[in-house]
Amino acid sequence: MSHVPDPMTQARQHIERALIERAQSDEAFRKLLLQDPRAALKQLIGVDPIPGFKIRVLEEVPGEVVLVLPRAIAQDELPDEMLDYAAGGGDGNPCPDPRAGFRGTIVKTRPASSN
């Protein structure tokens, strides 16, 4: 039986992947992400996902490896918009999909029931 991450972990992983992929393909976005992570997040997903929290972005340099050990995140710490984003957008607006060059949408699907 495979382990399925909780919704908060899935949301975080999805947003981190999207940020990294966008920063690798868009130098202006990369600079914004390093200088003003909150503005970069707003640009990517259209909302400030974690108001009141400090956001830090570190860039590795040659000869360095940066490992981040995330703290445990309680499900009620992030707003619904962040969860909606990871699930494909909850308000009907297109959700940037890194696989679609940030112009596609991720479609929210429900698993088929086993009945």
PDB file of N, CA and C in Angstrom:
ATOM      1  N   MET A   1       0.850  -1.176   0.000  1.00  0.00           N
ATOM      2  CA  MET A   1       0.000   0.000   0.000  1.00  0.00           C
ATOM      3  C   MET A   1       0.895   1.238   0.000  1.00  0.00           C
ATOM      4  N   SER A   2       0.673   2.157  -0.902  1.00  0.00           N
ATOM      5  CA  SER A   2       1.524   3.340  -0.991  1.00  0.00           C
ATOM      6  C   SER A   2       1.042   4.419  -0.040  1.00  0.00           C
ATOM      7  N   HIS A   3       1.988   5.214   0.400  1.00  0.00           N
ATOM      8  CA  HIS A   3       1.683   6.319   1.313  1.00  0.00           C
ATOM      9  C   HIS A   3       1.283   7.541   0.500  1.00  0.00           C
ATOM     10  N   VAL A   4       0.123   8.107   0.816  1.00  0.00           N
ATOM     11  CA  VAL A   4      -0.348   9.326   0.152  1.00  0.00           C
ATOM     12  C   VAL A   4      -0.146  10.475   1.125  1.00  0.00           C
ATOM     13  N   PRO A   5       0.635  11.511   0.729  1.00  0.00           N
ATOM     14  CA  PRO A   5       0.849  12.628   1.642  1.00  0.00           C
ATOM     15  C   PRO A   5      -0.459  13.344   1.967  1.00  0.00           C
ATOM     16  N   ASP A   6      -0.490  13.968   3.133  1.00  0.00           N
ATOM     17  CA  ASP A   6      -1.674  14.725   3.528  1.00  0.00           C
ATOM     18  C   ASP A   6      -1.831  15.939   2.607  1.00  0.00           C
ATOM     19  N   PRO A   7      -3.007  16.559   2.569  1.00  0.00           N
ATOM     20  CA  PRO A   7      -3.255  17.684   1.660  1.00  0.00           C
ATOM     21  C   PRO A   7      -2.286  18.857   1.845  1.00  0.00           C
ATOM     22  N   MET A   8      -1.871  19.130   3.077  1.00  0.00           N
ATOM     23  CA  MET A   8      -0.944  20.243   3.305  1.00  0.00           C
ATOM     24  C   MET A   8       0.412  19.958   2.669  1.00  0.00           C
ATOM     25  N   THR A   9       0.891  18.733   2.821  1.00  0.00           N
ATOM     26  CA  THR A   9       2.168  18.350   2.225  1.00  0.00           C
ATOM     27  C   THR A   9       2.061  18.394   0.714  1.00  0.00           C
ATOM     28  N   GLN A  10       0.957  17.913   0.167  1.00  0.00           N
ATOM     29  CA  GLN A  10       0.751  17.940  -1.276  1.00  0.00           C
ATOM     30  C   GLN A  10       0.727  19.380  -1.789  1.00  0.00           C
ATOM     31  N   ALA A  11       0.040  20.269  -1.080  1.00  0.00           N
ATOM     32  CA  ALA A  11      -0.033  21.675  -1.493  1.00  0.00           C
ATOM     33  C   ALA A  11       1.348  22.299  -1.490  1.00  0.00           C
ATOM     34  N   ARG A  12       2.082  22.074  -0.439  1.00  0.00           N
ATOM     35  CA  ARG A  12       3.431  22.641  -0.338  1.00  0.00           C
ATOM     36  C   ARG A  12       4.333  22.107  -1.445  1.00  0.00           C
ATOM     37  N   GLN A  13       4.310  20.806  -1.671  1.00  0.00           N
ATOM     38  CA  GLN A  13       5.148  20.210  -2.703  1.00  0.00           C
ATOM     39  C   GLN A  13       4.786  20.744  -4.088  1.00  0.00           C
ATOM     40  N   HIS A  14       3.515  20.878  -4.357  1.00  0.00           N
ATOM     41  CA  HIS A  14       3.059  21.376  -5.656  1.00  0.00           C
ATOM     42  C   HIS A  14       3.545  22.808  -5.880  1.00  0.00           C
ATOM     43  N   ILE A  15       3.380  23.643  -4.876  1.00  0.00           N
ATOM     44  CA  ILE A  15       3.779  25.048  -5.011  1.00  0.00           C
ATOM     45  C   ILE A  15       5.295  25.161  -5.107  1.00  0.00           C
ATOM     46  N   GLU A  16       6.025  24.385  -4.324  1.00  0.00           N
ATOM     47  CA  GLU A  16       7.483  24.423  -4.407  1.00  0.00           C
ATOM     48  C   GLU A  16       7.958  24.001  -5.794  1.00  0.00           C
ATOM     49  N   ARG A  17       7.382  22.946  -6.343  1.00  0.00           N
ATOM     50  CA  ARG A  17       7.758  22.503  -7.704  1.00  0.00           C
ATOM     51  C   ARG A  17       7.474  23.595  -8.725  1.00  0.00           C
ATOM     52  N   ALA A  18       6.298  24.204  -8.617  1.00  0.00           N
ATOM     53  CA  ALA A  18       5.925  25.257  -9.564  1.00  0.00           C
ATOM     54  C   ALA A  18       6.873  26.458  -9.451  1.00  0.00           C
ATOM     55  N   LEU A  19       7.229  26.839  -8.228  1.00  0.00           N
ATOM     56  CA  LEU A  19       8.156  27.955  -8.028  1.00  0.00           C
ATOM     57  C   LEU A  19       9.522  27.654  -8.625  1.00  0.00           C
ATOM     58  N   ILE A  20      10.034  26.463  -8.362  1.00  0.00           N
ATOM     59  CA  ILE A  20      11.359  26.088  -8.861  1.00  0.00           C
ATOM     60  C   ILE A  20      11.367  26.032 -10.379  1.00  0.00           C
ATOM     61  N   GLU A  21      10.363  25.391 -10.964  1.00  0.00           N
ATOM     62  CA  GLU A  21      10.318  25.289 -12.425  1.00  0.00           C
ATOM     63  C   GLU A  21      10.195  26.657 -13.077  1.00  0.00           C
ATOM     64  N   ARG A  22       9.391  27.515 -12.495  1.00  0.00           N
ATOM     65  CA  ARG A  22       9.235  28.862 -13.060  1.00  0.00           C
ATOM     66  C   ARG A  22      10.530  29.654 -12.912  1.00  0.00           C
ATOM     67  N   ALA A  23      11.179  29.554 -11.752  1.00  0.00           N
ATOM     68  CA  ALA A  23      12.430  30.277 -11.512  1.00  0.00           C
ATOM     69  C   ALA A  23      13.545  29.785 -12.431  1.00  0.00           C
ATOM     70  N   GLN A  24      13.514  28.516 -12.810  1.00  0.00           N
ATOM     71  CA  GLN A  24      14.534  27.981 -13.705  1.00  0.00           C
ATOM     72  C   GLN A  24      14.331  28.430 -15.140  1.00  0.00           C
ATOM     73  N   SER A  25      13.119  28.761 -15.502  1.00  0.00           N
ATOM     74  CA  SER A  25      12.840  29.137 -16.888  1.00  0.00           C
ATOM     75  C   SER A  25      12.622  30.637 -17.087  1.00  0.00           C
ATOM     76  N   ASP A  26      12.518  31.398 -16.003  1.00  0.00           N
ATOM     77  CA  ASP A  26      12.192  32.823 -16.095  1.00  0.00           C
ATOM     78  C   ASP A  26      13.109  33.599 -15.145  1.00  0.00           C
ATOM     79  N   GLU A  27      14.154  34.226 -15.704  1.00  0.00           N
ATOM     80  CA  GLU A  27      15.157  34.914 -14.882  1.00  0.00           C
ATOM     81  C   GLU A  27      14.556  36.054 -14.073  1.00  0.00           C
ATOM     82  N   ALA A  28      13.624  36.801 -14.644  1.00  0.00           N
ATOM     83  CA  ALA A  28      12.996  37.906 -13.911  1.00  0.00           C
ATOM     84  C   ALA A  28      12.215  37.362 -12.709  1.00  0.00           C
ATOM     85  N   PHE A  29      11.513  36.253 -12.903  1.00  0.00           N
ATOM     86  CA  PHE A  29      10.779  35.650 -11.794  1.00  0.00           C
ATOM     87  C   PHE A  29      11.745  35.146 -10.734  1.00  0.00           C
ATOM     88  N   ARG A  30      12.864  34.555 -11.153  1.00  0.00           N
ATOM     89  CA  ARG A  30      13.877  34.070 -10.209  1.00  0.00           C
ATOM     90  C   ARG A  30      14.376  35.215  -9.324  1.00  0.00           C
ATOM     91  N   LYS A  31      14.667  36.355  -9.939  1.00  0.00           N
ATOM     92  CA  LYS A  31      15.136  37.512  -9.173  1.00  0.00           C
ATOM     93  C   LYS A  31      14.059  37.988  -8.196  1.00  0.00           C
ATOM     94  N   LEU A  32      12.810  38.034  -8.657  1.00  0.00           N
ATOM     95  CA  LEU A  32      11.710  38.436  -7.780  1.00  0.00           C
ATOM     96  C   LEU A  32      11.577  37.457  -6.613  1.00  0.00           C
ATOM     97  N   LEU A  33      11.662  36.172  -6.890  1.00  0.00           N
ATOM     98  CA  LEU A  33      11.542  35.151  -5.847  1.00  0.00           C
ATOM     99  C   LEU A  33      12.622  35.321  -4.788  1.00  0.00           C
ATOM    100  N   LEU A  34      13.836  35.644  -5.212  1.00  0.00           N
ATOM    101  CA  LEU A  34      14.927  35.839  -4.260  1.00  0.00           C
ATOM    102  C   LEU A  34      14.777  37.143  -3.481  1.00  0.00           C
ATOM    103  N   GLN A  35      14.298  38.194  -4.140  1.00  0.00           N
ATOM    104  CA  GLN A  35      14.188  39.508  -3.501  1.00  0.00           C
ATOM    105  C   GLN A  35      12.898  39.676  -2.697  1.00  0.00           C
ATOM    106  N   ASP A  36      11.800  39.147  -3.206  1.00  0.00           N
ATOM    107  CA  ASP A  36      10.499  39.341  -2.569  1.00  0.00           C
ATOM    108  C   ASP A  36       9.649  38.080  -2.767  1.00  0.00           C
ATOM    109  N   PRO A  37       9.926  37.047  -1.972  1.00  0.00           N
ATOM    110  CA  PRO A  37       9.218  35.770  -2.147  1.00  0.00           C
ATOM    111  C   PRO A  37       7.694  35.896  -2.105  1.00  0.00           C
ATOM    112  N   ARG A  38       7.190  36.779  -1.253  1.00  0.00           N
ATOM    113  CA  ARG A  38       5.735  36.944  -1.131  1.00  0.00           C
ATOM    114  C   ARG A  38       5.141  37.465  -2.436  1.00  0.00           C
ATOM    115  N   ALA A  39       5.811  38.431  -3.064  1.00  0.00           N
ATOM    116  CA  ALA A  39       5.333  38.966  -4.346  1.00  0.00           C
ATOM    117  C   ALA A  39       5.403  37.889  -5.431  1.00  0.00           C
ATOM    118  N   ALA A  40       6.437  37.071  -5.403  1.00  0.00           N
ATOM    119  CA  ALA A  40       6.562  35.994  -6.391  1.00  0.00           C
ATOM    120  C   ALA A  40       5.441  34.975  -6.219  1.00  0.00           C
ATOM    121  N   LEU A  41       5.130  34.624  -4.981  1.00  0.00           N
ATOM    122  CA  LEU A  41       4.026  33.697  -4.724  1.00  0.00           C
ATOM    123  C   LEU A  41       2.709  34.276  -5.202  1.00  0.00           C
ATOM    124  N   LYS A  42       2.494  35.563  -4.913  1.00  0.00           N
ATOM    125  CA  LYS A  42       1.255  36.207  -5.372  1.00  0.00           C
ATOM    126  C   LYS A  42       1.178  36.194  -6.892  1.00  0.00           C
ATOM    127  N   GLN A  43       2.307  36.429  -7.551  1.00  0.00           N
ATOM    128  CA  GLN A  43       2.324  36.411  -9.010  1.00  0.00           C
ATOM    129  C   GLN A  43       2.007  35.017  -9.546  1.00  0.00           C
ATOM    130  N   LEU A  44       2.531  34.005  -8.891  1.00  0.00           N
ATOM    131  CA  LEU A  44       2.343  32.634  -9.367  1.00  0.00           C
ATOM    132  C   LEU A  44       0.940  32.112  -9.108  1.00  0.00           C
ATOM    133  N   ILE A  45       0.420  32.309  -7.889  1.00  0.00           N
ATOM    134  CA  ILE A  45      -0.861  31.689  -7.547  1.00  0.00           C
ATOM    135  C   ILE A  45      -1.980  32.692  -7.317  1.00  0.00           C
ATOM    136  N   GLY A  46      -1.661  33.989  -7.337  1.00  0.00           N
ATOM    137  CA  GLY A  46      -2.707  34.997  -7.249  1.00  0.00           C
ATOM    138  C   GLY A  46      -3.174  35.339  -5.850  1.00  0.00           C
ATOM    139  N   VAL A  47      -2.517  34.800  -4.839  1.00  0.00           N
ATOM    140  CA  VAL A  47      -2.932  35.059  -3.462  1.00  0.00           C
ATOM    141  C   VAL A  47      -1.712  34.901  -2.558  1.00  0.00           C
ATOM    142  N   ASP A  48      -1.713  35.607  -1.440  1.00  0.00           N
ATOM    143  CA  ASP A  48      -0.679  35.421  -0.430  1.00  0.00           C
ATOM    144  C   ASP A  48      -1.085  34.204   0.392  1.00  0.00           C
ATOM    145  N   PRO A  49      -0.415  33.070   0.196  1.00  0.00           N
ATOM    146  CA  PRO A  49      -0.885  31.833   0.821  1.00  0.00           C
ATOM    147  C   PRO A  49      -0.684  31.756   2.325  1.00  0.00           C
ATOM    148  N   ILE A  50       0.264  32.499   2.852  1.00  0.00           N
ATOM    149  CA  ILE A  50       0.536  32.391   4.281  1.00  0.00           C
ATOM    150  C   ILE A  50       0.802  33.766   4.890  1.00  0.00           C
ATOM    151  N   PRO A  51      -0.222  34.615   4.959  1.00  0.00           N
ATOM    152  CA  PRO A  51      -0.026  35.940   5.549  1.00  0.00           C
ATOM    153  C   PRO A  51       0.485  35.813   6.982  1.00  0.00           C
ATOM    154  N   GLY A  52       1.382  36.686   7.345  1.00  0.00           N
ATOM    155  CA  GLY A  52       1.900  36.686   8.700  1.00  0.00           C
ATOM    156  C   GLY A  52       3.087  35.770   8.913  1.00  0.00           C
ATOM    157  N   PHE A  53       3.433  34.935   7.936  1.00  0.00           N
ATOM    158  CA  PHE A  53       4.586  34.059   8.063  1.00  0.00           C
ATOM    159  C   PHE A  53       5.754  34.650   7.285  1.00  0.00           C
ATOM    160  N   LYS A  54       6.941  34.470   7.789  1.00  0.00           N
ATOM    161  CA  LYS A  54       8.141  34.887   7.077  1.00  0.00           C
ATOM    162  C   LYS A  54       8.442  33.842   6.003  1.00  0.00           C
ATOM    163  N   ILE A  55       8.788  34.307   4.806  1.00  0.00           N
ATOM    164  CA  ILE A  55       9.123  33.396   3.713  1.00  0.00           C
ATOM    165  C   ILE A  55      10.573  33.664   3.321  1.00  0.00           C
ATOM    166  N   ARG A  56      11.404  32.628   3.344  1.00  0.00           N
ATOM    167  CA  ARG A  56      12.806  32.759   2.952  1.00  0.00           C
ATOM    168  C   ARG A  56      13.081  31.865   1.758  1.00  0.00           C
ATOM    169  N   VAL A  57      13.844  32.385   0.823  1.00  0.00           N
ATOM    170  CA  VAL A  57      14.278  31.603  -0.331  1.00  0.00           C
ATOM    171  C   VAL A  57      15.799  31.608  -0.331  1.00  0.00           C
ATOM    172  N   LEU A  58      16.386  30.435  -0.398  1.00  0.00           N
ATOM    173  CA  LEU A  58      17.834  30.297  -0.439  1.00  0.00           C
ATOM    174  C   LEU A  58      18.229  29.778  -1.811  1.00  0.00           C
ATOM    175  N   GLU A  59      19.312  30.300  -2.338  1.00  0.00           N
ATOM    176  CA  GLU A  59      19.819  29.835  -3.624  1.00  0.00           C
ATOM    177  C   GLU A  59      21.156  29.142  -3.391  1.00  0.00           C
ATOM    178  N   GLU A  60      21.249  27.901  -3.849  1.00  0.00           N
ATOM    179  CA  GLU A  60      22.513  27.185  -3.721  1.00  0.00           C
ATOM    180  C   GLU A  60      23.565  27.828  -4.610  1.00  0.00           C
ATOM    181  N   VAL A  61      24.796  27.738  -4.153  1.00  0.00           N
ATOM    182  CA  VAL A  61      25.925  28.201  -4.944  1.00  0.00           C
ATOM    183  C   VAL A  61      26.792  26.992  -5.258  1.00  0.00           C
ATOM    184  N   PRO A  62      27.648  27.101  -6.267  1.00  0.00           N
ATOM    185  CA  PRO A  62      28.521  25.961  -6.585  1.00  0.00           C
ATOM    186  C   PRO A  62      29.295  25.495  -5.348  1.00  0.00           C
ATOM    187  N   GLY A  63      29.357  24.192  -5.174  1.00  0.00           N
ATOM    188  CA  GLY A  63      30.070  23.615  -4.042  1.00  0.00           C
ATOM    189  C   GLY A  63      29.258  23.561  -2.759  1.00  0.00           C
ATOM    190  N   GLU A  64      27.963  23.843  -2.847  1.00  0.00           N
ATOM    191  CA  GLU A  64      27.109  23.872  -1.668  1.00  0.00           C
ATOM    192  C   GLU A  64      25.854  23.046  -1.929  1.00  0.00           C
ATOM    193  N   VAL A  65      25.371  22.403  -0.895  1.00  0.00           N
ATOM    194  CA  VAL A  65      24.084  21.719  -0.951  1.00  0.00           C
ATOM    195  C   VAL A  65      23.256  22.233   0.211  1.00  0.00           C
ATOM    196  N   VAL A  66      22.033  22.682  -0.076  1.00  0.00           N
ATOM    197  CA  VAL A  66      21.143  23.189   0.956  1.00  0.00           C
ATOM    198  C   VAL A  66      20.034  22.165   1.164  1.00  0.00           C
ATOM    199  N   LEU A  67      19.888  21.702   2.375  1.00  0.00           N
ATOM    200  CA  LEU A  67      18.811  20.785   2.743  1.00  0.00           C
ATOM    201  C   LEU A  67      17.888  21.522   3.699  1.00  0.00           C
ATOM    202  N   VAL A  68      16.591  21.398   3.467  1.00  0.00           N
ATOM    203  CA  VAL A  68      15.609  22.045   4.327  1.00  0.00           C
ATOM    204  C   VAL A  68      14.779  20.965   4.986  1.00  0.00           C
ATOM    205  N   LEU A  69      14.732  21.014   6.276  1.00  0.00           N
ATOM    206  CA  LEU A  69      13.907  20.088   7.031  1.00  0.00           C
ATOM    207  C   LEU A  69      12.641  20.831   7.419  1.00  0.00           C
ATOM    208  N   PRO A  70      11.532  20.561   6.719  1.00  0.00           N
ATOM    209  CA  PRO A  70      10.285  21.290   7.033  1.00  0.00           C
ATOM    210  C   PRO A  70       9.776  20.914   8.418  1.00  0.00           C
ATOM    211  N   ARG A  71       9.166  21.892   9.047  1.00  0.00           N
ATOM    212  CA  ARG A  71       8.527  21.611  10.326  1.00  0.00           C
ATOM    213  C   ARG A  71       7.188  20.940  10.038  1.00  0.00           C
ATOM    214  N   ALA A  72       6.618  20.336  11.037  1.00  0.00           N
ATOM    215  CA  ALA A  72       5.295  19.756  10.883  1.00  0.00           C
ATOM    216  C   ALA A  72       4.295  20.902  10.738  1.00  0.00           C
ATOM    217  N   ILE A  73       3.432  20.829   9.741  1.00  0.00           N
ATOM    218  CA  ILE A  73       2.450  21.886   9.498  1.00  0.00           C
ATOM    219  C   ILE A  73       1.070  21.346   9.829  1.00  0.00           C
ATOM    220  N   ALA A  74       0.389  22.036  10.721  1.00  0.00           N
ATOM    221  CA  ALA A  74      -0.988  21.661  11.039  1.00  0.00           C
ATOM    222  C   ALA A  74      -1.885  22.056   9.875  1.00  0.00           C
ATOM    223  N   GLN A  75      -2.874  21.253   9.587  1.00  0.00           N
ATOM    224  CA  GLN A  75      -3.741  21.482   8.436  1.00  0.00           C
ATOM    225  C   GLN A  75      -4.459  22.819   8.493  1.00  0.00           C
ATOM    226  N   ASP A  76      -4.712  23.340   9.674  1.00  0.00           N
ATOM    227  CA  ASP A  76      -5.460  24.585   9.759  1.00  0.00           C
ATOM    228  C   ASP A  76      -4.567  25.829   9.704  1.00  0.00           C
ATOM    229  N   GLU A  77      -3.271  25.682   9.416  1.00  0.00           N
ATOM    230  CA  GLU A  77      -2.367  26.828   9.392  1.00  0.00           C
ATOM    231  C   GLU A  77      -2.355  27.561   8.064  1.00  0.00           C
ATOM    232  N   LEU A  78      -2.779  26.944   6.993  1.00  0.00           N
ATOM    233  CA  LEU A  78      -2.764  27.580   5.688  1.00  0.00           C
ATOM    234  C   LEU A  78      -4.188  27.796   5.201  1.00  0.00           C
ATOM    235  N   PRO A  79      -4.411  28.884   4.477  1.00  0.00           N
ATOM    236  CA  PRO A  79      -5.767  29.179   4.022  1.00  0.00           C
ATOM    237  C   PRO A  79      -6.231  28.225   2.920  1.00  0.00           C
ATOM    238  N   ASP A  80      -7.539  28.199   2.731  1.00  0.00           N
ATOM    239  CA  ASP A  80      -8.129  27.330   1.723  1.00  0.00           C
ATOM    240  C   ASP A  80      -7.584  27.593   0.330  1.00  0.00           C
ATOM    241  N   GLU A  81      -7.216  28.856   0.033  1.00  0.00           N
ATOM    242  CA  GLU A  81      -6.725  29.180  -1.297  1.00  0.00           C
ATOM    243  C   GLU A  81      -5.497  28.357  -1.660  1.00  0.00           C
ATOM    244  N   MET A  82      -4.622  28.105  -0.683  1.00  0.00           N
ATOM    245  CA  MET A  82      -3.422  27.325  -0.964  1.00  0.00           C
ATOM    246  C   MET A  82      -3.790  25.871  -1.242  1.00  0.00           C
ATOM    247  N   LEU A  83      -4.726  25.349  -0.466  1.00  0.00           N
ATOM    248  CA  LEU A  83      -5.177  23.983  -0.713  1.00  0.00           C
ATOM    249  C   LEU A  83      -5.892  23.886  -2.056  1.00  0.00           C
ATOM    250  N   ASP A  84      -6.720  24.890  -2.383  1.00  0.00           N
ATOM    251  CA  ASP A  84      -7.403  24.911  -3.671  1.00  0.00           C
ATOM    252  C   ASP A  84      -6.399  24.940  -4.811  1.00  0.00           C
ATOM    253  N   TYR A  85      -5.331  25.726  -4.643  1.00  0.00           N
ATOM    254  CA  TYR A  85      -4.311  25.815  -5.680  1.00  0.00           C
ATOM    255  C   TYR A  85      -3.710  24.441  -5.946  1.00  0.00           C
ATOM    256  N   ALA A  86      -3.353  23.737  -4.897  1.00  0.00           N
ATOM    257  CA  ALA A  86      -2.725  22.429  -5.067  1.00  0.00           C
ATOM    258  C   ALA A  86      -3.687  21.425  -5.672  1.00  0.00           C
ATOM    259  N   ALA A  87      -4.982  21.634  -5.423  1.00  0.00           N
ATOM    260  CA  ALA A  87      -5.983  20.707  -5.942  1.00  0.00           C
ATOM    261  C   ALA A  87      -6.486  21.105  -7.324  1.00  0.00           C
ATOM    262  N   GLY A  88      -5.982  22.188  -7.869  1.00  0.00           N
ATOM    263  CA  GLY A  88      -6.384  22.566  -9.214  1.00  0.00           C
ATOM    264  C   GLY A  88      -7.195  23.832  -9.274  1.00  0.00           C
ATOM    265  N   GLY A  89      -7.190  24.604  -8.224  1.00  0.00           N
ATOM    266  CA  GLY A  89      -7.944  25.861  -8.238  1.00  0.00           C
ATOM    267  C   GLY A  89      -9.373  25.600  -7.840  1.00  0.00           C
ATOM    268  N   GLY A  90      -9.852  26.361  -6.900  1.00  0.00           N
ATOM    269  CA  GLY A  90     -11.209  26.145  -6.418  1.00  0.00           C
ATOM    270  C   GLY A  90     -12.186  27.201  -6.854  1.00  0.00           C
ATOM    271  N   ASP A  91     -11.698  28.276  -7.473  1.00  0.00           N
ATOM    272  CA  ASP A  91     -12.596  29.370  -7.825  1.00  0.00           C
ATOM    273  C   ASP A  91     -12.884  29.434  -9.312  1.00  0.00           C
ATOM    274  N   GLY A  92     -12.493  28.412 -10.056  1.00  0.00           N
ATOM    275  CA  GLY A  92     -12.756  28.397 -11.490  1.00  0.00           C
ATOM    276  C   GLY A  92     -11.684  29.084 -12.310  1.00  0.00           C
ATOM    277  N   ASN A  93     -10.751  29.767 -11.667  1.00  0.00           N
ATOM    278  CA  ASN A  93      -9.668  30.414 -12.398  1.00  0.00           C
ATOM    279  C   ASN A  93      -8.615  29.383 -12.769  1.00  0.00           C
ATOM    280  N   PRO A  94      -7.966  29.566 -13.914  1.00  0.00           N
ATOM    281  CA  PRO A  94      -6.913  28.624 -14.285  1.00  0.00           C
ATOM    282  C   PRO A  94      -5.814  28.612 -13.237  1.00  0.00           C
ATOM    283  N   CYS A  95      -5.320  27.453 -12.978  1.00  0.00           N
ATOM    284  CA  CYS A  95      -4.237  27.269 -12.037  1.00  0.00           C
ATOM    285  C   CYS A  95      -2.956  27.064 -12.834  1.00  0.00           C
ATOM    286  N   PRO A  96      -1.905  27.830 -12.583  1.00  0.00           N
ATOM    287  CA  PRO A  96      -0.672  27.613 -13.318  1.00  0.00           C
ATOM    288  C   PRO A  96      -0.186  26.184 -13.134  1.00  0.00           C
ATOM    289  N   ASP A  97       0.091  25.533 -14.215  1.00  0.00           N
ATOM    290  CA  ASP A  97       0.567  24.162 -14.179  1.00  0.00           C
ATOM    291  C   ASP A  97       1.964  24.140 -14.772  1.00  0.00           C
ATOM    292  N   PRO A  98       2.988  23.800 -13.968  1.00  0.00           N
ATOM    293  CA  PRO A  98       4.344  23.817 -14.480  1.00  0.00           C
ATOM    294  C   PRO A  98       4.540  22.891 -15.672  1.00  0.00           C
ATOM    295  N   ARG A  99       3.721  21.859 -15.791  1.00  0.00           N
ATOM    296  CA  ARG A  99       3.842  20.952 -16.940  1.00  0.00           C
ATOM    297  C   ARG A  99       3.297  21.596 -18.204  1.00  0.00           C
ATOM    298  N   ALA A 100       2.541  22.664 -18.067  1.00  0.00           N
ATOM    299  CA  ALA A 100       1.924  23.309 -19.227  1.00  0.00           C
ATOM    300  C   ALA A 100       2.509  24.692 -19.466  1.00  0.00           C
ATOM    301  N   GLY A 101       3.719  24.929 -19.000  1.00  0.00           N
ATOM    302  CA  GLY A 101       4.353  26.207 -19.234  1.00  0.00           C
ATOM    303  C   GLY A 101       3.644  27.365 -18.569  1.00  0.00           C
ATOM    304  N   PHE A 102       2.954  27.114 -17.450  1.00  0.00           N
ATOM    305  CA  PHE A 102       2.262  28.126 -16.676  1.00  0.00           C
ATOM    306  C   PHE A 102       1.101  28.753 -17.434  1.00  0.00           C
ATOM    307  N   ARG A 103       0.590  28.083 -18.448  1.00  0.00           N
ATOM    308  CA  ARG A 103      -0.567  28.602 -19.166  1.00  0.00           C
ATOM    309  C   ARG A 103      -1.727  27.609 -19.146  1.00  0.00           C
ATOM    310  N   GLY A 104      -1.458  26.403 -18.665  1.00  0.00           N
ATOM    311  CA  GLY A 104      -2.501  25.393 -18.640  1.00  0.00           C
ATOM    312  C   GLY A 104      -3.227  25.396 -17.314  1.00  0.00           C
ATOM    313  N   THR A 105      -4.090  24.440 -17.146  1.00  0.00           N
ATOM    314  CA  THR A 105      -4.790  24.309 -15.876  1.00  0.00           C
ATOM    315  C   THR A 105      -4.646  22.889 -15.377  1.00  0.00           C
ATOM    316  N   ILE A 106      -4.725  22.756 -14.080  1.00  0.00           N
ATOM    317  CA  ILE A 106      -4.765  21.444 -13.465  1.00  0.00           C
ATOM    318  C   ILE A 106      -6.223  21.184 -13.130  1.00  0.00           C
ATOM    319  N   VAL A 107      -6.725  20.061 -13.539  1.00  0.00           N
ATOM    320  CA  VAL A 107      -8.125  19.754 -13.320  1.00  0.00           C
ATOM    321  C   VAL A 107      -8.262  18.941 -12.048  1.00  0.00           C
ATOM    322  N   LYS A 108      -9.154  19.394 -11.177  1.00  0.00           N
ATOM    323  CA  LYS A 108      -9.410  18.682  -9.933  1.00  0.00           C
ATOM    324  C   LYS A 108     -10.256  17.457 -10.257  1.00  0.00           C
ATOM    325  N   THR A 109      -9.787  16.308  -9.833  1.00  0.00           N
ATOM    326  CA  THR A 109     -10.533  15.075 -10.058  1.00  0.00           C
ATOM    327  C   THR A 109     -10.748  14.382  -8.729  1.00  0.00           C
ATOM    328  N   ARG A 110     -11.743  13.556  -8.698  1.00  0.00           N
ATOM    329  CA  ARG A 110     -12.005  12.770  -7.501  1.00  0.00           C
ATOM    330  C   ARG A 110     -11.706  11.312  -7.839  1.00  0.00           C
ATOM    331  N   PRO A 111     -11.086  10.595  -6.888  1.00  0.00           N
ATOM    332  CA  PRO A 111     -10.785   9.184  -7.151  1.00  0.00           C
ATOM    333  C   PRO A 111     -12.093   8.405  -7.350  1.00  0.00           C
ATOM    334  N   ALA A 112     -12.026   7.422  -8.212  1.00  0.00           N
ATOM    335  CA  ALA A 112     -13.187   6.571  -8.444  1.00  0.00           C
ATOM    336  C   ALA A 112     -13.490   5.787  -7.177  1.00  0.00           C
ATOM    337  N   SER A 113     -14.755   5.646  -6.867  1.00  0.00           N
ATOM    338  CA  SER A 113     -15.122   4.897  -5.678  1.00  0.00           C
ATOM    339  C   SER A 113     -14.950   3.411  -5.963  1.00  0.00           C
ATOM    340  N   SER A 114     -14.720   2.659  -4.919  1.00  0.00           N
ATOM    341  CA  SER A 114     -14.491   1.220  -5.078  1.00  0.00           C
ATOM    342  C   SER A 114     -15.781   0.435  -4.932  1.00  0.00           C
ATOM    343  N   ASN A 115     -16.913   1.093  -4.954  1.00  0.00           N
ATOM    344  CA  ASN A 115     -18.212   0.407  -4.803  1.00  0.00           C
ATOM    345  C   ASN A 115     -18.608  -0.251  -6.088  1.00  0.00           C
TER     346      ASN A 115
END
